[in-house]
Amino acid sequence: MERLEPLIEAKIDERLGKRGAPGKLDQRQVGALAITLGLAIPLTPVAGGIAGLTGIAVVWAAILFILWRLRVL
């Protein structure tokens, strides 16, 4: 077990180093957030007016899916 500890710690440090600073967004993420927010603001009342709460839920599920696929969330 003692021989594995340094290997595990090195692997964790390597993965954390690839991530960068926690909570810091790069330009691509900021752009993706701006575009989805720009789409969410007009789509939410339109979907709410047409399909009610179900429409709002579908719009936001789609927005969250897009952000998840772009790895912003």
N, C-alpha and C. Protein backbone atom coordinates (compact mmCIF):
# COMPACT_ATOMS: atom_id res chain seq x y z
N MET A 1 0.82 -1.19 0.00
CA MET A 1 0.00 0.00 0.00
C MET A 1 0.87 1.26 0.00
N GLU A 2 1.97 1.21 0.75
CA GLU A 2 2.84 2.37 0.84
C GLU A 2 3.52 2.67 -0.49
N ARG A 3 3.71 1.66 -1.31
CA ARG A 3 4.32 1.88 -2.62
C ARG A 3 3.33 2.48 -3.60
N LEU A 4 2.05 2.23 -3.37
CA LEU A 4 1.02 2.75 -4.27
C LEU A 4 0.70 4.21 -4.01
N GLU A 5 0.86 4.65 -2.78
CA GLU A 5 0.50 6.03 -2.42
C GLU A 5 1.19 7.08 -3.29
N PRO A 6 2.51 7.02 -3.47
CA PRO A 6 3.14 8.04 -4.33
C PRO A 6 2.65 7.98 -5.78
N LEU A 7 2.36 6.79 -6.28
CA LEU A 7 1.85 6.67 -7.64
C LEU A 7 0.46 7.29 -7.77
N ILE A 8 -0.38 7.02 -6.79
CA ILE A 8 -1.74 7.57 -6.81
C ILE A 8 -1.69 9.09 -6.68
N GLU A 9 -0.87 9.59 -5.77
CA GLU A 9 -0.77 11.04 -5.59
C GLU A 9 -0.22 11.71 -6.84
N ALA A 10 0.73 11.09 -7.51
CA ALA A 10 1.28 11.65 -8.75
C ALA A 10 0.21 11.70 -9.83
N LYS A 11 -0.60 10.66 -9.92
CA LYS A 11 -1.66 10.62 -10.92
C LYS A 11 -2.72 11.69 -10.65
N ILE A 12 -3.06 11.87 -9.39
CA ILE A 12 -4.04 12.90 -9.01
C ILE A 12 -3.49 14.29 -9.33
N ASP A 13 -2.23 14.53 -8.98
CA ASP A 13 -1.61 15.83 -9.27
C ASP A 13 -1.57 16.09 -10.77
N GLU A 14 -1.30 15.05 -11.55
CA GLU A 14 -1.27 15.20 -13.01
C GLU A 14 -2.64 15.58 -13.56
N ARG A 15 -3.67 14.92 -13.08
CA ARG A 15 -5.03 15.23 -13.55
C ARG A 15 -5.48 16.63 -13.12
N LEU A 16 -5.15 17.00 -11.90
CA LEU A 16 -5.51 18.34 -11.43
C LEU A 16 -4.75 19.41 -12.19
N GLY A 17 -3.52 19.13 -12.58
CA GLY A 17 -2.72 20.09 -13.34
C GLY A 17 -3.29 20.33 -14.73
N LYS A 18 -3.91 19.32 -15.31
CA LYS A 18 -4.51 19.46 -16.65
C LYS A 18 -5.76 20.33 -16.61
N ARG A 19 -6.45 20.32 -15.50
CA ARG A 19 -7.70 21.08 -15.39
C ARG A 19 -7.49 22.58 -15.35
N GLY A 20 -6.42 23.03 -14.79
CA GLY A 20 -6.20 24.46 -14.62
C GLY A 20 -6.78 24.92 -13.29
N ALA A 21 -6.89 26.21 -13.15
CA ALA A 21 -7.40 26.77 -11.90
C ALA A 21 -8.89 26.49 -11.77
N PRO A 22 -9.34 26.08 -10.60
CA PRO A 22 -10.77 25.80 -10.43
C PRO A 22 -11.59 27.08 -10.50
N GLY A 23 -12.71 27.01 -11.18
CA GLY A 23 -13.60 28.15 -11.29
C GLY A 23 -13.22 29.16 -12.35
N LYS A 24 -12.12 28.94 -13.05
CA LYS A 24 -11.70 29.88 -14.08
C LYS A 24 -12.25 29.43 -15.43
N LEU A 25 -12.90 30.35 -16.13
CA LEU A 25 -13.49 30.04 -17.43
C LEU A 25 -12.59 30.54 -18.54
N ASP A 26 -12.49 29.74 -19.60
CA ASP A 26 -11.73 30.21 -20.75
C ASP A 26 -12.67 30.97 -21.70
N GLN A 27 -12.13 31.52 -22.76
CA GLN A 27 -12.90 32.36 -23.69
C GLN A 27 -14.04 31.57 -24.35
N ARG A 28 -13.79 30.31 -24.67
CA ARG A 28 -14.81 29.48 -25.32
C ARG A 28 -16.01 29.29 -24.38
N GLN A 29 -15.73 29.05 -23.10
CA GLN A 29 -16.80 28.85 -22.14
C GLN A 29 -17.60 30.13 -21.93
N VAL A 30 -16.91 31.26 -21.88
CA VAL A 30 -17.61 32.54 -21.71
C VAL A 30 -18.50 32.80 -22.93
N GLY A 31 -18.00 32.52 -24.12
CA GLY A 31 -18.80 32.69 -25.33
C GLY A 31 -20.02 31.78 -25.34
N ALA A 32 -19.82 30.53 -24.93
CA ALA A 32 -20.94 29.59 -24.89
C ALA A 32 -22.00 30.03 -23.89
N LEU A 33 -21.55 30.51 -22.74
CA LEU A 33 -22.51 31.01 -21.74
C LEU A 33 -23.26 32.23 -22.25
N ALA A 34 -22.57 33.12 -22.94
CA ALA A 34 -23.23 34.33 -23.46
C ALA A 34 -24.26 33.96 -24.53
N ILE A 35 -23.92 33.05 -25.42
CA ILE A 35 -24.85 32.65 -26.47
C ILE A 35 -26.07 31.95 -25.89
N THR A 36 -25.85 31.02 -24.95
CA THR A 36 -27.00 30.31 -24.39
C THR A 36 -27.88 31.23 -23.55
N LEU A 37 -27.26 32.19 -22.88
CA LEU A 37 -28.07 33.16 -22.13
C LEU A 37 -28.86 34.03 -23.09
N GLY A 38 -28.23 34.41 -24.19
CA GLY A 38 -28.94 35.19 -25.20
C GLY A 38 -30.10 34.43 -25.82
N LEU A 39 -29.98 33.13 -25.93
CA LEU A 39 -31.09 32.31 -26.43
C LEU A 39 -32.14 32.06 -25.35
N ALA A 40 -31.69 31.88 -24.12
CA ALA A 40 -32.60 31.52 -23.03
C ALA A 40 -33.57 32.64 -22.69
N ILE A 41 -33.10 33.88 -22.75
CA ILE A 41 -33.95 34.99 -22.36
C ILE A 41 -35.19 35.11 -23.25
N PRO A 42 -35.06 35.10 -24.58
CA PRO A 42 -36.28 35.19 -25.38
C PRO A 42 -37.06 33.86 -25.47
N LEU A 43 -36.36 32.72 -25.42
CA LEU A 43 -37.06 31.45 -25.57
C LEU A 43 -37.91 31.09 -24.35
N THR A 44 -37.51 31.51 -23.18
CA THR A 44 -38.26 31.16 -21.97
C THR A 44 -39.69 31.72 -21.99
N PRO A 45 -39.90 33.01 -22.24
CA PRO A 45 -41.29 33.49 -22.25
C PRO A 45 -42.09 32.96 -23.45
N VAL A 46 -41.43 32.75 -24.59
CA VAL A 46 -42.14 32.20 -25.74
C VAL A 46 -42.62 30.79 -25.43
N ALA A 47 -41.73 29.96 -24.90
CA ALA A 47 -42.10 28.59 -24.56
C ALA A 47 -43.15 28.57 -23.45
N GLY A 48 -43.01 29.49 -22.49
CA GLY A 48 -44.00 29.56 -21.42
C GLY A 48 -45.36 29.98 -21.93
N GLY A 49 -45.40 30.89 -22.90
CA GLY A 49 -46.67 31.34 -23.45
C GLY A 49 -47.34 30.28 -24.31
N ILE A 50 -46.55 29.48 -24.99
CA ILE A 50 -47.11 28.46 -25.88
C ILE A 50 -47.43 27.17 -25.13
N ALA A 51 -46.50 26.70 -24.32
CA ALA A 51 -46.66 25.38 -23.70
C ALA A 51 -46.66 25.42 -22.18
N GLY A 52 -46.64 26.59 -21.60
CA GLY A 52 -46.69 26.70 -20.14
C GLY A 52 -45.40 26.22 -19.48
N LEU A 53 -45.55 25.68 -18.29
CA LEU A 53 -44.41 25.23 -17.51
C LEU A 53 -43.65 24.10 -18.22
N THR A 54 -44.36 23.27 -18.95
CA THR A 54 -43.71 22.19 -19.70
C THR A 54 -42.76 22.76 -20.75
N GLY A 55 -43.18 23.80 -21.44
CA GLY A 55 -42.34 24.43 -22.44
C GLY A 55 -41.09 25.04 -21.83
N ILE A 56 -41.25 25.70 -20.69
CA ILE A 56 -40.09 26.29 -20.01
C ILE A 56 -39.12 25.19 -19.58
N ALA A 57 -39.66 24.09 -19.06
CA ALA A 57 -38.79 22.98 -18.63
C ALA A 57 -38.04 22.39 -19.82
N VAL A 58 -38.69 22.26 -20.97
CA VAL A 58 -38.03 21.70 -22.15
C VAL A 58 -36.92 22.64 -22.64
N VAL A 59 -37.21 23.94 -22.67
CA VAL A 59 -36.20 24.91 -23.11
C VAL A 59 -34.99 24.86 -22.20
N TRP A 60 -35.19 24.88 -20.91
CA TRP A 60 -34.05 24.88 -19.99
C TRP A 60 -33.33 23.55 -19.96
N ALA A 61 -34.05 22.46 -20.16
CA ALA A 61 -33.37 21.17 -20.26
C ALA A 61 -32.45 21.16 -21.49
N ALA A 62 -32.94 21.72 -22.59
CA ALA A 62 -32.12 21.79 -23.81
C ALA A 62 -30.90 22.69 -23.60
N ILE A 63 -31.09 23.81 -22.93
CA ILE A 63 -29.97 24.73 -22.68
C ILE A 63 -28.93 24.07 -21.78
N LEU A 64 -29.38 23.40 -20.73
CA LEU A 64 -28.44 22.71 -19.85
C LEU A 64 -27.73 21.57 -20.57
N PHE A 65 -28.44 20.88 -21.46
CA PHE A 65 -27.81 19.82 -22.25
C PHE A 65 -26.71 20.38 -23.14
N ILE A 66 -26.99 21.51 -23.79
CA ILE A 66 -25.99 22.13 -24.66
C ILE A 66 -24.77 22.54 -23.85
N LEU A 67 -24.98 23.16 -22.71
CA LEU A 67 -23.86 23.57 -21.86
C LEU A 67 -23.07 22.36 -21.36
N TRP A 68 -23.77 21.28 -21.05
CA TRP A 68 -23.10 20.07 -20.59
C TRP A 68 -22.26 19.46 -21.72
N ARG A 69 -22.80 19.44 -22.96
CA ARG A 69 -22.07 18.89 -24.09
C ARG A 69 -20.86 19.75 -24.45
N LEU A 70 -20.95 21.04 -24.24
CA LEU A 70 -19.82 21.93 -24.48
C LEU A 70 -18.85 21.94 -23.31
N ARG A 71 -19.16 21.19 -22.28
CA ARG A 71 -18.34 21.06 -21.07
C ARG A 71 -18.16 22.40 -20.34
N VAL A 72 -19.21 23.18 -20.35
CA VAL A 72 -19.19 24.43 -19.60
C VAL A 72 -19.66 24.16 -18.19
N LEU A 73 -20.60 23.25 -18.04
CA LEU A 73 -21.11 22.90 -16.71
C LEU A 73 -20.32 21.76 -16.12
